[in-house]
């Protein structure tokens, strides 16, 4: 199987339409297994890897930076692999209850520089291909929060200043292109406007949730990205596992099983958007639709992302080589007009329960 390549925004980066997300490495996935997954991903033609300074997930002081370290160790043992890859990582925004990431609650220019240098050391590389702001420095609705509340605004580092700092990293050869994540239409517009006004690097991409149970990207941000030529990197295409069908037999109060899965294992995850009873109920509807049409739930959910015009690259997260192969094998699956219409009908009824 060979994948086409997709240009990210107006940058010089060309990536496969499937990206290997790595946030499980260092928590659910040990280093040996992680290296096997990375080997297989490269063997099968995926050239795009995504990580973050705060990984692995769930975020803990003990494992902060562990994923980047595992990736760096893999790269060090694979001469020549780095040149074949587009390597993306992220600087954490305001700490959101994670004081181990940095002192203070904001994200200053010096924080961005310090985080970039630390990521370069852990990744054992000279340059980060795509350096992303993990979540806005501004207070915005994200990670399950539905509404913007101006009374909670604590922003201290303007977007212009963030861009100037990122421009310095690009000029120094530490970063090739920049991106954002968990952004809003306003945020993407402002990053692009200021970049064009001041001759600063333009964001190539935004990494936002996008899946059958969370299509909020289509509520205006899709038009923003299309008109401004900013690429979507879709994360959680399987809805944190809900869209694989493995939780369909669990209780009505939310997903409880199987043992070892993230939602059933970690209290913090259960309390987030993916752990809502409404999200599970919607996932069951989509999973049943897939089976009615001779597809596995994962096949349909992945094909939905793989074939949508809004998506440049879909970020898949796996815990085994077998899971990786299953997700990659779904490439090329097409959904009939009947299935797509049924998907839209469910969304019209249930909206986006995992927003």
Protein backbone atom coordinates (compact mmCIF):
# COMPACT_ATOMS: atom_id res chain seq x y z
CA UNK A 1 0.00 0.00 0.00
CA UNK A 2 1.28 3.46 -0.83
CA UNK A 3 -0.19 6.69 0.43
CA UNK A 4 -0.46 9.97 -1.44
CA UNK A 5 1.20 13.00 0.05
CA UNK A 6 -0.65 16.09 1.26
CA UNK A 7 0.81 19.58 1.60
CA UNK A 8 0.19 21.16 4.99
CA UNK A 9 -1.22 24.61 4.39
CA UNK A 10 1.24 26.77 2.49
CA UNK A 11 4.26 25.16 4.17
CA UNK A 12 6.93 23.02 2.54
CA UNK A 13 5.77 19.98 4.54
CA UNK A 14 4.23 17.07 2.63
CA UNK A 15 2.74 14.32 4.78
CA UNK A 16 0.82 11.09 4.46
CA UNK A 17 -2.95 11.36 5.03
CA UNK A 18 -2.51 9.15 8.08
CA UNK A 19 -0.37 10.31 11.00
CA UNK A 20 0.80 8.10 13.86
CA UNK A 21 -0.16 9.69 17.16
CA UNK A 22 2.01 8.61 20.07
CA UNK A 23 0.41 9.82 23.29
CA UNK A 24 0.00 6.25 24.60
CA UNK A 25 3.76 5.65 24.46
CA UNK A 26 5.15 5.68 27.99
CA UNK A 27 1.86 4.88 29.76
CA UNK A 28 -0.21 2.18 28.05
CA UNK A 29 2.60 1.24 25.67
CA UNK A 30 6.09 0.39 26.89
CA UNK A 31 9.20 1.43 24.98
CA UNK A 32 9.80 -1.95 23.32
CA UNK A 33 6.27 -2.14 21.96
CA UNK A 34 6.36 1.53 20.96
CA UNK A 35 9.49 0.92 18.89
CA UNK A 36 7.83 -2.04 17.18
CA UNK A 37 4.83 0.13 16.31
CA UNK A 38 7.11 2.86 14.95
CA UNK A 39 9.04 0.32 12.86
CA UNK A 40 5.84 -1.06 11.38
CA UNK A 41 4.42 2.38 10.69
CA UNK A 42 7.53 3.40 8.79
CA UNK A 43 7.58 0.07 6.94
CA UNK A 44 4.01 0.64 5.79
CA UNK A 45 4.75 4.08 4.43
CA UNK A 46 3.50 6.48 7.11
CA UNK A 47 5.87 9.46 7.16
CA UNK A 48 4.11 11.61 9.77
CA UNK A 49 4.56 11.31 13.57
CA UNK A 50 2.88 13.50 16.18
CA UNK A 51 3.76 13.90 19.84
CA UNK A 52 3.81 16.59 22.56
CA UNK A 53 5.93 17.71 25.48
CA UNK A 54 3.18 16.80 27.98
CA UNK A 55 2.75 13.20 26.75
CA UNK A 56 2.14 10.48 27.73
CA UNK A 57 -1.57 10.65 28.53
CA UNK A 58 -3.17 10.77 31.05
CA UNK A 59 -0.82 13.60 31.97
CA UNK A 60 1.25 13.01 35.09
CA UNK A 61 4.42 14.55 36.44
CA UNK A 62 6.15 11.15 36.29
CA UNK A 63 5.52 10.65 32.57
CA UNK A 64 5.72 14.21 31.25
CA UNK A 65 8.13 14.07 28.30
CA UNK A 66 8.24 10.27 28.30
CA UNK A 67 6.77 9.93 24.82
CA UNK A 68 9.29 12.30 23.25
CA UNK A 69 12.08 10.41 25.00
CA UNK A 70 10.84 7.09 23.58
CA UNK A 71 10.70 8.60 20.09
CA UNK A 72 14.16 10.07 20.49
CA UNK A 73 15.60 6.72 21.53
CA UNK A 74 13.96 5.08 18.50
CA UNK A 75 15.37 7.68 16.13
CA UNK A 76 18.83 7.28 17.63
CA UNK A 77 18.73 3.54 16.87
CA UNK A 78 17.43 3.97 13.31
CA UNK A 79 20.03 5.84 11.24
CA UNK A 80 18.36 7.40 8.24
CA UNK A 81 14.82 7.18 9.64
CA UNK A 82 14.71 10.84 10.63
CA UNK A 83 15.18 12.01 7.04
CA UNK A 84 12.12 10.02 5.95
CA UNK A 85 9.80 11.53 8.54
CA UNK A 86 7.83 14.67 9.26
CA UNK A 87 8.11 15.02 13.03
CA UNK A 88 5.53 17.11 14.87
CA UNK A 89 5.39 18.02 18.52
CA UNK A 90 3.59 20.56 20.67
CA UNK A 91 4.28 23.14 23.34
CA UNK A 92 1.70 23.03 26.12
CA UNK A 93 -0.50 26.06 26.56
CA UNK A 94 -1.37 27.42 30.03
CA UNK A 95 -0.84 24.56 32.44
CA UNK A 96 -4.51 23.70 33.15
CA UNK A 97 -3.72 22.08 36.50
CA UNK A 98 -0.38 20.59 35.39
CA UNK A 99 2.22 22.60 37.37
CA UNK A 100 4.97 20.13 36.47
CA UNK A 101 5.06 21.44 32.89
CA UNK A 102 6.32 24.88 33.91
CA UNK A 103 6.17 27.49 36.63
CA UNK A 104 3.25 29.88 36.51
CA UNK A 105 -0.09 29.43 34.78
CA UNK A 106 0.56 31.13 31.45
CA UNK A 107 2.66 30.55 28.36
CA UNK A 108 5.29 33.23 27.92
CA UNK A 109 7.66 33.67 25.00
CA UNK A 110 10.46 32.23 27.12
CA UNK A 111 8.24 29.25 27.97
CA UNK A 112 7.87 28.51 24.24
CA UNK A 113 11.63 28.71 23.67
CA UNK A 114 12.44 26.58 26.72
CA UNK A 115 9.88 23.96 25.76
CA UNK A 116 11.17 23.78 22.19
CA UNK A 117 14.75 23.25 23.32
CA UNK A 118 13.66 20.56 25.80
CA UNK A 119 11.67 18.76 23.10
CA UNK A 120 14.67 18.84 20.74
CA UNK A 121 16.83 17.24 23.43
CA UNK A 122 14.33 14.50 24.20
CA UNK A 123 13.66 13.80 20.52
CA UNK A 124 17.42 13.73 19.81
CA UNK A 125 16.95 15.81 16.68
CA UNK A 126 18.19 19.17 15.42
CA UNK A 127 14.88 20.39 14.06
CA UNK A 128 11.15 19.96 14.67
CA UNK A 129 9.27 19.85 11.38
CA UNK A 130 5.94 21.05 12.76
CA UNK A 131 5.87 22.87 16.10
CA UNK A 132 2.34 23.39 17.41
CA UNK A 133 0.72 25.26 20.30
CA UNK A 134 -1.15 22.45 22.04
CA UNK A 135 -4.05 24.61 23.18
CA UNK A 136 -4.59 28.37 23.03
CA UNK A 137 -2.95 30.69 25.49
CA UNK A 138 -6.32 32.40 25.55
CA UNK A 139 -9.17 30.96 27.61
CA UNK A 140 -11.36 29.20 25.06
CA UNK A 141 -13.93 26.40 25.18
CA UNK A 142 -11.96 23.16 24.78
CA UNK A 143 -11.68 19.63 26.15
CA UNK A 144 -15.40 19.31 26.83
CA UNK A 145 -16.26 22.92 27.63
CA UNK A 146 -19.02 24.17 25.35
CA UNK A 147 -19.15 27.94 25.88
CA UNK A 148 -16.74 30.85 25.76
CA UNK A 149 -16.73 32.81 29.04
CA UNK A 150 -14.94 36.18 28.82
CA UNK A 151 -14.90 36.49 32.61
CA UNK A 152 -12.35 33.66 32.73
CA UNK A 153 -9.90 35.33 30.35
CA UNK A 154 -6.37 35.38 31.76
CA UNK A 155 -4.33 35.80 28.58
CA UNK A 156 -1.01 37.59 29.07
CA UNK A 157 0.92 36.73 25.88
CA UNK A 158 -0.66 38.20 22.74
CA UNK A 159 -0.84 36.09 19.59
CA UNK A 160 1.53 38.54 17.87
CA UNK A 161 4.14 37.90 20.54
CA UNK A 162 3.67 34.14 20.26
CA UNK A 163 4.18 34.37 16.50
CA UNK A 164 7.32 36.47 16.89
CA UNK A 165 8.74 33.86 19.27
CA UNK A 166 7.93 31.02 16.88
CA UNK A 167 9.45 33.07 14.05
CA UNK A 168 12.68 33.25 16.03
CA UNK A 169 12.74 29.45 16.33
CA UNK A 170 12.15 29.11 12.59
CA UNK A 171 14.91 31.63 11.81
CA UNK A 172 17.29 29.75 14.13
CA UNK A 173 16.61 26.51 12.23
CA UNK A 174 15.02 24.81 15.24
CA UNK A 175 11.55 24.60 13.63
CA UNK A 176 10.50 24.25 9.98
CA UNK A 177 6.79 25.12 10.19
CA UNK A 178 4.29 26.04 12.88
CA UNK A 179 0.77 25.00 13.76
CA UNK A 180 -1.95 25.33 16.37
CA UNK A 181 -4.22 22.85 18.10
CA UNK A 182 -7.63 22.90 19.76
CA UNK A 183 -8.13 26.29 18.11
CA UNK A 184 -11.23 28.33 17.32
CA UNK A 185 -12.17 30.17 14.12
CA UNK A 186 -11.10 33.44 15.74
CA UNK A 187 -7.74 32.00 16.74
CA UNK A 188 -6.92 30.60 13.30
CA UNK A 189 -7.97 33.86 11.62
CA UNK A 190 -5.90 35.96 14.00
CA UNK A 191 -2.77 33.82 13.63
CA UNK A 192 -3.01 34.09 9.85
CA UNK A 193 -3.91 37.80 9.83
CA UNK A 194 -1.01 38.80 12.05
CA UNK A 195 1.44 36.59 10.19
CA UNK A 196 0.53 38.19 6.89
CA UNK A 197 0.50 41.70 8.34
CA UNK A 198 3.92 41.41 9.96
CA UNK A 199 5.73 38.98 7.67
CA UNK A 200 5.81 36.19 10.25
CA UNK A 201 5.45 32.41 9.74
CA UNK A 202 1.95 31.33 8.76
CA UNK A 203 0.31 28.45 10.63
CA UNK A 204 0.27 25.37 8.43
CA UNK A 205 -2.31 23.39 10.36
CA UNK A 206 -4.67 23.11 13.26
CA UNK A 207 -4.99 19.88 15.19
CA UNK A 208 -8.56 19.53 16.44
CA UNK A 209 -10.89 16.68 17.40
CA UNK A 210 -12.90 15.34 14.49
CA UNK A 211 -14.93 12.15 14.46
CA UNK A 212 -18.51 10.90 14.19
CA UNK A 213 -19.36 11.94 17.75
CA UNK A 214 -17.56 15.29 17.55
CA UNK A 215 -17.95 17.17 14.27
CA UNK A 216 -17.76 20.65 15.83
CA UNK A 217 -15.00 21.48 13.35
CA UNK A 218 -17.79 21.72 10.77
CA UNK A 219 -19.50 24.50 12.72
CA UNK A 220 -17.53 27.27 11.00
CA UNK A 221 -13.90 26.31 11.55
CA UNK A 222 -13.98 24.24 8.36
CA UNK A 223 -14.77 27.33 6.28
CA UNK A 224 -12.07 29.30 8.08
CA UNK A 225 -9.44 26.68 7.35
CA UNK A 226 -10.55 26.19 3.76
CA UNK A 227 -10.47 29.88 2.89
CA UNK A 228 -7.18 30.52 4.71
CA UNK A 229 -5.49 27.33 3.50
CA UNK A 230 -4.85 25.90 6.96
CA UNK A 231 -4.90 22.10 7.10
CA UNK A 232 -6.87 20.05 9.61
CA UNK A 233 -5.06 17.31 11.49
CA UNK A 234 -7.99 15.31 12.84
CA UNK A 235 -7.42 13.68 16.21
CA UNK A 236 -9.48 11.05 18.02
CA UNK A 237 -11.08 9.67 14.82
CA UNK A 238 -12.26 6.67 16.85
CA UNK A 239 -13.71 8.79 19.64
CA UNK A 240 -11.23 7.53 22.25
CA UNK A 241 -12.25 3.99 21.36
CA UNK A 242 -16.02 4.45 21.55
CA UNK A 243 -16.29 4.10 17.77
CA UNK A 244 -14.56 0.70 17.73
CA UNK A 245 -17.58 -0.97 19.32
CA UNK A 246 -15.60 -2.31 22.26
CA UNK A 247 -17.74 -0.36 24.75
CA UNK A 248 -21.11 -1.19 23.21
CA UNK A 249 -21.94 -3.78 25.87
CA UNK A 250 -21.02 -1.56 28.83
CA UNK A 251 -23.43 0.26 31.10
CA UNK A 252 -25.76 3.13 30.32
CA UNK A 253 -23.92 5.55 32.62
CA UNK A 254 -20.89 5.58 30.38
CA UNK A 255 -18.19 3.24 29.13
CA UNK A 256 -16.78 0.91 31.78
CA UNK A 257 -15.05 -1.88 29.89
CA UNK A 258 -12.92 -3.55 28.61
CA UNK A 259 -10.19 -3.77 31.19
CA UNK A 260 -7.05 -1.87 30.26
CA UNK A 261 -8.69 0.65 27.93
CA UNK A 262 -8.05 4.30 28.67
CA UNK A 263 -11.63 5.28 29.49
CA UNK A 264 -12.14 2.38 31.88
CA UNK A 265 -8.72 2.76 33.49
CA UNK A 266 -8.23 6.47 34.13
CA UNK A 267 -10.59 8.57 36.23
CA UNK A 268 -9.59 11.82 34.53
CA UNK A 269 -10.53 10.43 31.11
CA UNK A 270 -13.88 9.13 32.30
CA UNK A 271 -14.80 12.64 33.43
CA UNK A 272 -13.95 14.19 30.06
CA UNK A 273 -16.08 14.44 26.91
CA UNK A 274 -15.40 10.87 25.78
CA UNK A 275 -16.76 9.45 29.04
CA UNK A 276 -20.23 10.97 28.77
CA UNK A 277 -23.21 8.65 28.62
CA UNK A 278 -24.48 10.68 25.65
CA UNK A 279 -21.23 10.05 23.76
CA UNK A 280 -21.52 6.31 24.34
CA UNK A 281 -25.17 6.28 23.24
CA UNK A 282 -24.32 8.10 20.02
CA UNK A 283 -21.35 5.82 19.36
CA UNK A 284 -23.60 2.78 19.70
CA UNK A 285 -25.88 4.21 17.02
CA UNK A 286 -23.01 4.77 14.60
CA UNK A 287 -21.52 1.35 15.39
CA UNK A 288 -24.84 -0.35 14.67
CA UNK A 289 -25.07 1.54 11.37
CA UNK A 290 -21.64 0.28 10.37
CA UNK A 291 -22.58 -3.33 11.08
CA UNK A 292 -25.82 -2.97 9.13
CA UNK A 293 -23.75 -2.12 6.07
CA UNK A 294 -21.15 -4.86 6.45
CA UNK A 295 -18.45 -2.67 7.96
CA UNK A 296 -16.74 -2.82 11.32
CA UNK A 297 -17.37 0.25 13.49
CA UNK A 298 -13.70 1.22 13.24
CA UNK A 299 -13.71 0.87 9.45
CA UNK A 300 -16.64 3.23 9.10
CA UNK A 301 -15.34 5.76 11.61
CA UNK A 302 -11.89 5.87 10.02
CA UNK A 303 -13.23 5.94 6.47
CA UNK A 304 -15.38 8.90 7.46
CA UNK A 305 -12.25 10.87 8.38
CA UNK A 306 -10.03 9.47 5.64
CA UNK A 307 -12.43 10.57 2.90
CA UNK A 308 -13.70 13.94 4.16
CA UNK A 309 -12.53 16.99 2.22
CA UNK A 310 -12.00 18.85 5.49
CA UNK A 311 -9.22 16.49 6.67
CA UNK A 312 -5.61 16.72 5.51
CA UNK A 313 -4.28 13.97 7.79
CA UNK A 314 -5.96 11.73 10.37
CA UNK A 315 -4.06 11.06 13.59
CA UNK A 316 -4.44 7.47 14.74
CA UNK A 317 -3.43 6.28 18.20
CA UNK A 318 -2.70 2.60 18.80
CA UNK A 319 -1.39 0.32 21.53
CA UNK A 320 -0.20 -2.59 19.36
CA UNK A 321 1.12 -3.42 15.92
CA UNK A 322 -2.14 -5.29 15.23
CA UNK A 323 -4.19 -2.16 15.94
CA UNK A 324 -1.90 -0.16 13.67
CA UNK A 325 -2.39 -2.60 10.81
CA UNK A 326 -6.16 -2.56 11.27
CA UNK A 327 -6.28 1.24 11.14
CA UNK A 328 -4.01 1.42 8.10
CA UNK A 329 -5.97 -1.32 6.33
CA UNK A 330 -9.09 0.84 6.55
CA UNK A 331 -7.48 3.23 4.05
CA UNK A 332 -9.30 2.92 0.74
CA UNK A 333 -12.66 2.08 2.32
CA UNK A 334 -15.42 4.17 0.78
CA UNK A 335 -18.79 4.99 2.29
CA UNK A 336 -21.87 4.86 0.10
CA UNK A 337 -24.18 7.87 -0.26
CA UNK A 338 -26.73 5.87 1.76
CA UNK A 339 -24.31 5.43 4.66
CA UNK A 340 -23.23 9.07 4.57
CA UNK A 341 -26.86 10.20 4.61
CA UNK A 342 -27.57 7.94 7.59
CA UNK A 343 -24.52 9.35 9.41
CA UNK A 344 -25.78 12.88 8.85
CA UNK A 345 -29.26 11.88 10.06
CA UNK A 346 -27.84 10.57 13.34
CA UNK A 347 -25.80 13.73 13.77
CA UNK A 348 -28.87 15.91 13.15
CA UNK A 349 -30.62 14.04 15.95
CA UNK A 350 -27.79 13.69 18.48
CA UNK A 351 -25.45 16.56 17.46
CA UNK A 352 -21.92 16.41 18.94
CA UNK A 353 -22.12 14.75 22.35
CA UNK A 354 -18.32 14.48 22.71
CA UNK A 355 -17.56 18.14 22.00
